[in-house]
Protein backbone atom coordinates (compact mmCIF):
# COMPACT_ATOMS: atom_id res chain seq x y z
CA MET A 1 -32.42 30.24 -18.71
CA ALA A 2 -30.07 31.58 -21.37
CA GLU A 3 -28.50 28.96 -23.63
CA LYS A 4 -24.74 28.56 -23.40
CA ARG A 5 -22.74 30.08 -26.23
CA ALA A 6 -20.94 27.59 -28.44
CA ILE A 7 -17.27 27.10 -27.58
CA ASP A 8 -15.22 28.48 -30.47
CA ASP A 9 -11.71 28.33 -28.98
CA PRO A 10 -10.36 24.86 -28.08
CA ALA A 11 -7.72 26.54 -25.88
CA ARG A 12 -10.52 27.22 -23.39
CA LEU A 13 -11.08 23.48 -22.94
CA SER A 14 -9.48 21.44 -20.18
CA GLY A 15 -7.71 18.15 -20.90
CA PRO A 16 -10.75 15.97 -20.07
CA GLU A 17 -12.98 18.29 -22.13
CA LYS A 18 -10.67 17.98 -25.14
CA ALA A 19 -10.76 14.19 -24.77
CA ALA A 20 -14.56 14.35 -24.56
CA VAL A 21 -14.74 16.38 -27.79
CA MET A 22 -12.47 13.92 -29.61
CA LEU A 23 -14.51 10.92 -28.46
CA LEU A 24 -17.81 12.60 -29.38
CA ALA A 25 -16.41 13.39 -32.82
CA LEU A 26 -15.31 9.78 -33.33
CA GLY A 27 -18.67 8.37 -32.22
CA ASP A 28 -18.89 4.58 -32.56
CA GLU A 29 -15.39 4.49 -34.02
CA GLY A 30 -14.03 5.65 -30.66
CA GLU A 31 -15.09 2.44 -28.89
CA SER A 32 -11.55 1.06 -28.89
CA LEU A 33 -10.30 4.25 -27.23
CA TRP A 34 -12.91 4.00 -24.47
CA GLN A 35 -11.65 0.48 -23.79
CA GLN A 36 -8.15 1.83 -23.15
CA LEU A 37 -9.34 4.10 -20.33
CA ASP A 38 -9.45 2.98 -16.72
CA GLU A 39 -12.54 3.49 -14.55
CA GLU A 40 -11.39 6.83 -13.11
CA GLU A 41 -10.52 8.20 -16.56
CA ILE A 42 -13.90 7.10 -17.95
CA ARG A 43 -15.65 8.83 -15.05
CA GLU A 44 -13.65 12.05 -15.55
CA VAL A 45 -14.19 12.19 -19.33
CA SER A 46 -17.87 11.31 -18.95
CA GLN A 47 -18.32 14.11 -16.43
CA ALA A 48 -16.66 16.58 -18.81
CA MET A 49 -18.76 15.30 -21.71
CA SER A 50 -22.04 15.72 -19.83
CA ASN A 51 -21.24 19.35 -19.00
CA LEU A 52 -19.63 20.26 -22.31
CA GLY A 53 -22.45 22.09 -24.03
CA THR A 54 -22.04 23.13 -27.68
CA VAL A 55 -18.63 23.11 -29.35
CA SER A 56 -18.50 24.78 -32.74
CA SER A 57 -17.45 22.77 -35.79
CA SER A 58 -14.47 25.05 -36.29
CA ALA A 59 -13.28 24.40 -32.72
CA VAL A 60 -13.63 20.64 -33.25
CA GLU A 61 -11.68 20.86 -36.49
CA ARG A 62 -8.92 22.94 -34.90
CA LEU A 63 -8.70 20.52 -32.00
CA ILE A 64 -8.34 17.50 -34.30
CA VAL A 65 -5.79 19.26 -36.52
CA ASP A 66 -3.82 20.33 -33.43
CA PHE A 67 -3.88 16.79 -32.08
CA VAL A 68 -2.76 15.22 -35.36
CA GLY A 69 -0.10 17.91 -35.76
CA GLN A 70 1.36 17.23 -32.33
CA MET A 71 1.43 13.50 -32.94
CA SER A 72 3.08 13.80 -36.33
CA SER A 73 5.69 16.33 -35.15
CA THR A 74 6.71 14.58 -31.96
CA GLY A 75 5.80 11.00 -32.71
CA SER A 76 5.76 10.54 -28.94
CA LEU A 77 3.59 8.31 -26.82
CA MET A 78 3.43 8.04 -23.04
CA GLY A 79 3.79 4.55 -21.63
CA SER A 80 2.76 3.36 -18.19
CA PHE A 81 2.30 0.12 -16.29
CA GLU A 82 -1.45 0.36 -16.84
CA ALA A 83 -1.13 0.97 -20.60
CA THR A 84 1.36 -1.89 -20.91
CA GLN A 85 -0.91 -4.25 -19.01
CA ARG A 86 -3.92 -3.35 -21.16
CA LEU A 87 -1.93 -3.93 -24.35
CA LEU A 88 -0.53 -7.29 -23.20
CA THR A 89 -4.00 -8.41 -22.11
CA SER A 90 -5.25 -7.99 -25.65
CA PHE A 91 -3.11 -10.88 -26.92
CA LEU A 92 -1.77 -12.85 -23.92
CA PRO A 93 -3.50 -15.05 -21.30
CA GLY A 94 -4.30 -13.28 -18.05
CA ASP A 95 -1.96 -15.38 -15.86
CA LYS A 96 0.95 -14.72 -18.24
CA VAL A 97 0.25 -10.97 -18.23
CA GLU A 98 0.14 -10.92 -14.42
CA SER A 99 3.45 -12.79 -14.24
CA ILE A 100 5.12 -10.31 -16.62
CA MET A 101 3.69 -7.27 -14.81
CA GLU A 102 4.75 -8.54 -11.40
CA GLU A 103 8.30 -8.95 -12.66
CA LEU A 104 8.21 -5.44 -14.13
CA ARG A 105 6.99 -4.00 -10.83
CA GLY A 106 9.86 -5.68 -9.02
CA PRO A 107 13.37 -4.23 -8.60
CA ALA A 108 15.06 -2.77 -11.67
CA GLY A 109 17.70 -4.78 -13.50
CA ARG A 110 18.29 -6.55 -16.79
CA THR A 111 19.09 -9.97 -15.31
CA MET A 112 17.84 -11.71 -12.16
CA TRP A 113 21.18 -11.02 -10.48
CA ASP A 114 20.94 -7.32 -11.35
CA LYS A 115 17.48 -7.26 -9.80
CA LEU A 116 18.68 -8.96 -6.63
CA GLY A 117 21.37 -6.30 -6.34
CA ASN A 118 18.61 -3.69 -5.97
CA VAL A 119 16.70 -5.57 -3.25
CA ASN A 120 17.17 -4.32 0.31
CA GLU A 121 19.70 -6.58 2.05
CA VAL A 122 17.45 -7.26 5.05
CA VAL A 123 14.54 -8.26 2.78
CA LEU A 124 16.80 -10.55 0.76
CA ALA A 125 18.39 -12.04 3.90
CA ASN A 126 14.97 -12.80 5.39
CA TYR A 127 14.15 -14.82 2.28
CA LEU A 128 17.53 -16.55 1.91
CA LYS A 129 17.76 -17.67 5.57
CA ASN A 130 15.10 -20.29 4.79
CA GLU A 131 17.07 -21.75 1.85
CA TYR A 132 19.87 -24.32 1.79
CA PRO A 133 23.30 -22.78 2.56
CA GLN A 134 24.61 -24.08 -0.78
CA THR A 135 21.82 -22.26 -2.65
CA VAL A 136 22.53 -19.05 -0.73
CA ALA A 137 26.23 -19.43 -1.54
CA VAL A 138 25.41 -19.61 -5.26
CA VAL A 139 23.12 -16.57 -5.06
CA LEU A 140 25.65 -14.42 -3.19
CA SER A 141 28.41 -15.44 -5.58
CA LYS A 142 26.36 -13.95 -8.44
CA VAL A 143 25.62 -10.51 -6.94
CA LYS A 144 28.07 -7.67 -6.38
CA SER A 145 30.47 -8.23 -3.48
CA GLU A 146 29.40 -5.12 -1.55
CA HIS A 147 25.76 -6.22 -1.64
CA ALA A 148 26.68 -9.81 -0.74
CA SER A 149 28.57 -8.52 2.32
CA ARG A 150 25.52 -6.60 3.55
CA VAL A 151 23.28 -9.64 3.06
CA LEU A 152 25.71 -11.89 4.96
CA ALA A 153 25.78 -9.40 7.83
CA ALA A 154 21.96 -9.52 7.99
CA LEU A 155 21.83 -13.35 8.11
CA PRO A 156 21.93 -15.31 11.42
CA GLU A 157 25.60 -15.65 12.33
CA ASP A 158 25.87 -19.46 12.30
CA PHE A 159 23.99 -19.67 9.01
CA ALA A 160 26.15 -16.90 7.49
CA LEU A 161 29.36 -18.74 8.48
CA GLU A 162 28.04 -21.92 6.85
CA VAL A 163 27.34 -19.95 3.67
CA VAL A 164 30.86 -18.47 3.73
CA THR A 165 32.31 -21.98 4.09
CA ARG A 166 30.28 -23.18 1.09
CA MET A 167 31.39 -20.17 -0.97
CA LEU A 168 35.06 -20.89 -0.19
CA ARG A 169 34.69 -24.49 -1.39
CA MET A 170 32.36 -23.76 -4.29
CA GLU A 171 33.20 -25.09 -7.75
CA PRO A 172 31.77 -23.79 -11.06
CA VAL A 173 27.99 -24.17 -11.02
CA GLN A 174 26.28 -26.06 -13.83
CA ARG A 175 24.05 -24.00 -16.11
CA GLU A 176 20.92 -26.06 -15.37
CA ILE A 177 21.36 -25.52 -11.61
CA LEU A 178 21.70 -21.79 -12.12
CA ASP A 179 18.59 -21.82 -14.31
CA ARG A 180 16.61 -23.63 -11.59
CA ILE A 181 17.73 -21.15 -8.93
CA GLU A 182 16.84 -18.20 -11.17
CA GLU A 183 13.40 -19.65 -11.87
CA THR A 184 12.77 -20.22 -8.15
CA LEU A 185 13.82 -16.67 -7.34
CA ARG A 186 11.56 -15.35 -10.09
CA THR A 187 8.46 -17.34 -9.16
CA GLU A 188 8.76 -17.38 -5.38
CA PHE A 189 10.70 -14.30 -4.29
CA MET A 190 10.37 -11.65 -6.99
CA SER A 191 6.67 -12.25 -7.62
CA ASN A 192 5.89 -11.99 -3.89
CA LEU A 193 8.07 -8.89 -3.63
CA ALA A 194 6.18 -7.29 -6.53
CA ARG A 195 2.80 -8.12 -4.97
CA THR A 196 3.95 -6.58 -1.69
CA SER A 197 5.22 -3.44 -3.43
CA LYS A 198 1.79 -2.86 -4.95
CA HIS A 199 0.45 -2.33 -1.43
CA ASP A 200 3.30 -0.11 -0.23
CA SER A 201 1.44 3.14 -0.95
CA HIS A 202 -1.67 1.90 0.87
CA GLU A 203 0.41 0.73 3.83
CA MET A 204 2.13 4.11 3.96
CA MET A 205 -1.23 5.90 3.94
CA ALA A 206 -2.64 3.53 6.57
CA SER A 207 0.29 4.45 8.80
CA ILE A 208 -0.41 8.16 8.23
CA PHE A 209 -4.14 7.70 8.87
CA ASN A 210 -3.32 5.83 12.10
CA ASN A 211 -1.76 9.04 13.40
CA PHE A 212 -4.80 11.20 12.64
CA ASP A 213 -7.22 12.08 15.39
CA ARG A 214 -10.59 10.36 14.97
CA GLN A 215 -12.33 13.34 13.38
CA THR A 216 -9.60 13.92 10.78
CA GLU A 217 -9.37 10.19 10.03
CA ASN A 218 -13.11 9.92 9.43
CA ARG A 219 -13.12 13.05 7.26
CA PHE A 220 -10.29 11.84 5.00
CA LEU A 221 -11.67 8.31 4.68
CA ALA A 222 -15.13 9.61 3.80
CA ALA A 223 -13.68 11.95 1.16
CA LEU A 224 -11.47 9.19 -0.26
CA GLU A 225 -14.42 6.79 -0.46
CA GLU A 226 -16.19 9.23 -2.79
CA ARG A 227 -13.20 9.30 -5.15
CA ASN A 228 -11.81 5.78 -4.83
CA ARG A 229 -13.77 3.34 -2.67
CA GLU A 230 -11.33 0.49 -3.30
CA SER A 231 -8.35 2.47 -1.99
CA ALA A 232 -10.32 3.65 1.04
CA GLU A 233 -11.24 0.05 1.89
CA LYS A 234 -7.62 -1.11 1.48
CA ILE A 235 -6.37 1.63 3.79
CA ARG A 236 -9.06 0.86 6.37
CA SER A 237 -8.16 -2.86 6.31
CA LEU A 238 -4.46 -2.05 6.83
CA MET A 239 -4.99 0.37 9.70
CA PHE A 240 -4.37 -0.87 13.23
CA VAL A 241 -6.60 0.90 15.72
CA PHE A 242 -7.18 0.71 19.45
CA GLU A 243 -10.12 -1.69 19.12
CA ASP A 244 -7.83 -4.15 17.30
CA LEU A 245 -6.14 -4.78 20.67
CA SER A 246 -9.09 -7.11 21.31
CA LYS A 247 -7.31 -9.59 19.01
CA LEU A 248 -4.38 -9.92 21.45
CA ASP A 249 -4.08 -13.13 23.41
CA PRO A 250 -4.13 -12.94 27.25
CA GLY A 251 -0.33 -13.02 27.42
CA GLY A 252 -0.09 -10.16 24.94
CA ILE A 253 -2.66 -8.08 26.81
CA GLN A 254 -0.83 -8.60 30.13
CA THR A 255 2.53 -7.69 28.56
CA LEU A 256 1.01 -4.52 27.12
CA MET A 257 -0.74 -3.59 30.37
CA ARG A 258 2.53 -3.80 32.33
CA ALA A 259 4.01 -1.18 29.99
CA ILE A 260 1.06 1.26 30.03
CA ASP A 261 0.76 4.18 32.42
CA LYS A 262 -2.32 3.47 34.56
CA ASP A 263 -3.83 6.97 34.14
CA GLN A 264 -3.36 6.69 30.36
CA MET A 265 -5.04 3.27 30.37
CA ALA A 266 -8.03 4.58 32.31
CA LEU A 267 -8.44 7.50 29.87
CA ALA A 268 -8.13 5.24 26.81
CA LEU A 269 -10.66 2.74 28.17
CA LYS A 270 -13.19 5.55 28.68
CA GLY A 271 -13.65 5.52 24.89
CA ALA A 272 -13.34 1.75 24.37
CA SER A 273 -16.11 -0.69 23.55
CA ASP A 274 -17.58 -2.76 26.38
CA SER A 275 -15.97 -5.91 25.00
CA LEU A 276 -12.47 -4.35 24.94
CA ARG A 277 -12.93 -2.94 28.45
CA ASP A 278 -13.96 -6.39 29.67
CA LEU A 279 -10.87 -7.91 28.04
CA PHE A 280 -8.59 -5.51 29.93
CA PHE A 281 -10.47 -5.95 33.21
CA SER A 282 -10.47 -9.76 32.91
CA ASN A 283 -6.67 -9.70 32.72
CA MET A 284 -6.36 -7.70 35.96
CA SER A 285 -6.80 -8.89 39.49
CA GLU A 286 -10.25 -8.27 40.92
CA ARG A 287 -8.88 -5.49 43.13
CA ALA A 288 -6.97 -3.81 40.28
CA ALA A 289 -10.06 -3.92 38.02
CA LYS A 290 -12.17 -2.37 40.81
CA ILE A 291 -9.64 0.46 41.26
CA MET A 292 -9.47 1.07 37.50
CA ARG A 293 -13.27 1.34 37.25
CA GLU A 294 -13.32 3.77 40.17
CA ASP A 295 -10.59 5.89 38.57
CA MET A 296 -12.55 6.01 35.30
CA ASN A 297 -15.74 7.06 37.07
CA ALA A 298 -13.85 9.71 39.05
CA MET A 299 -12.65 11.31 35.81
CA GLY A 300 -16.15 12.38 34.88
CA PRO A 301 -16.63 13.58 31.29
CA VAL A 302 -13.47 13.70 29.18
CA ARG A 303 -12.74 15.18 25.76
CA LEU A 304 -12.72 12.87 22.76
CA LYS A 305 -9.44 14.46 21.69
CA ASP A 306 -7.76 13.37 24.94
CA VAL A 307 -9.15 9.84 24.64
CA ASP A 308 -7.86 9.61 21.04
CA GLN A 309 -4.38 10.71 22.14
CA ALA A 310 -4.30 8.14 24.95
CA GLN A 311 -5.50 5.36 22.65
CA GLN A 312 -2.99 6.31 19.95
CA ALA A 313 -0.15 6.29 22.48
CA ILE A 314 -1.13 2.76 23.55
CA VAL A 315 -1.39 1.61 19.90
CA SER A 316 2.11 3.01 19.28
CA LEU A 317 3.39 1.20 22.37
CA ALA A 318 1.77 -2.04 21.17
CA LYS A 319 3.49 -1.67 17.79
CA ASP A 320 6.85 -1.11 19.51
CA LEU A 321 6.38 -4.25 21.61
CA ALA A 322 5.40 -6.20 18.48
CA ALA A 323 8.51 -4.96 16.67
CA LYS A 324 10.60 -6.31 19.57
CA GLY A 325 8.78 -9.65 19.36
CA GLU A 326 7.26 -9.32 22.84
CA ILE A 327 3.64 -9.47 21.60
CA MET A 328 1.94 -10.56 18.38
CA LEU A 329 -0.43 -8.15 16.64
CA ALA A 330 -3.11 -9.37 14.23
CA ASP A 331 -2.98 -7.87 10.77
CA GLY A 332 -5.04 -5.75 10.37
CA GLY A 333 -17.68 13.83 16.35
CA SER A 334 -15.66 16.91 17.21
CA ASP A 335 -12.56 17.26 19.42
CA ASP A 336 -14.71 18.67 22.22
CA GLU A 337 -17.25 15.85 22.19
CA LEU A 338 -17.56 14.31 25.66
CA ILE A 339 -17.51 10.62 26.51
CA TYR A 340 -19.30 9.49 29.68
């Protein structure tokens, strides 16, 4: 096999390849740079390094000169949450770093009251409805009036009227009381909000994956596992699928069954596990269960694609019923393949 020619022009190198050349040139002195890379970056640079081949000394020199020249002319650096967290970790305790990063991930704003002004009114109202009316009155007196009005409208009516009454009678609030309220908001509300926001992208993707047919879902999850196993596992844990209906209590199952078209139920149960079928049948009368079994047998072989569509429709219906508070949901082959 012919040996690869040495790379003479650094312009032919990709970004990861350039990083690999720089780190090879630095040798042991580049250890601190390796420590600044996350796992995915290390994997990408390592892959480029292993396939790099020979890079001429002139190309290495030009690459280093170009790098130093760019840094000296622009003086720019790119910051990110990850870079900030790594830097803080080098000189602060881990719990302190996490507290700072959670606050940074939260809503934008210089002060706590600025931050609250950027929180969705329904989210803020859901938190405040569990506080004392006097505390809520203080909080709403510190945010902009238009935002306070939207939060009041989202609160339970009797509670909101009590808050309005407190605001009308409110006297100047002592500094130490304000400080305590700010600290509570920071430690209890904002930190939880920041933790939740870190999962938003995974929740969004779980919702998208829930709407895939089974073949597409499996293909995307398998591909994602190869690139980022942690993300794939998070998405899988957040997805709600037909089999998760087994976690419904008897009342929930019966409420759901009353809303499902019987033909759709029979088709969906054709592809269900024995345990989930038994759960549905056990919540029917003996006669209804017998008829359902007969209907399923009379269908003969059915396409996996049709079963997936029926199951997805029932999952969507279950989510709608859960959103209305009528039931409680637990967290949580080819299209032409036949199911018998």
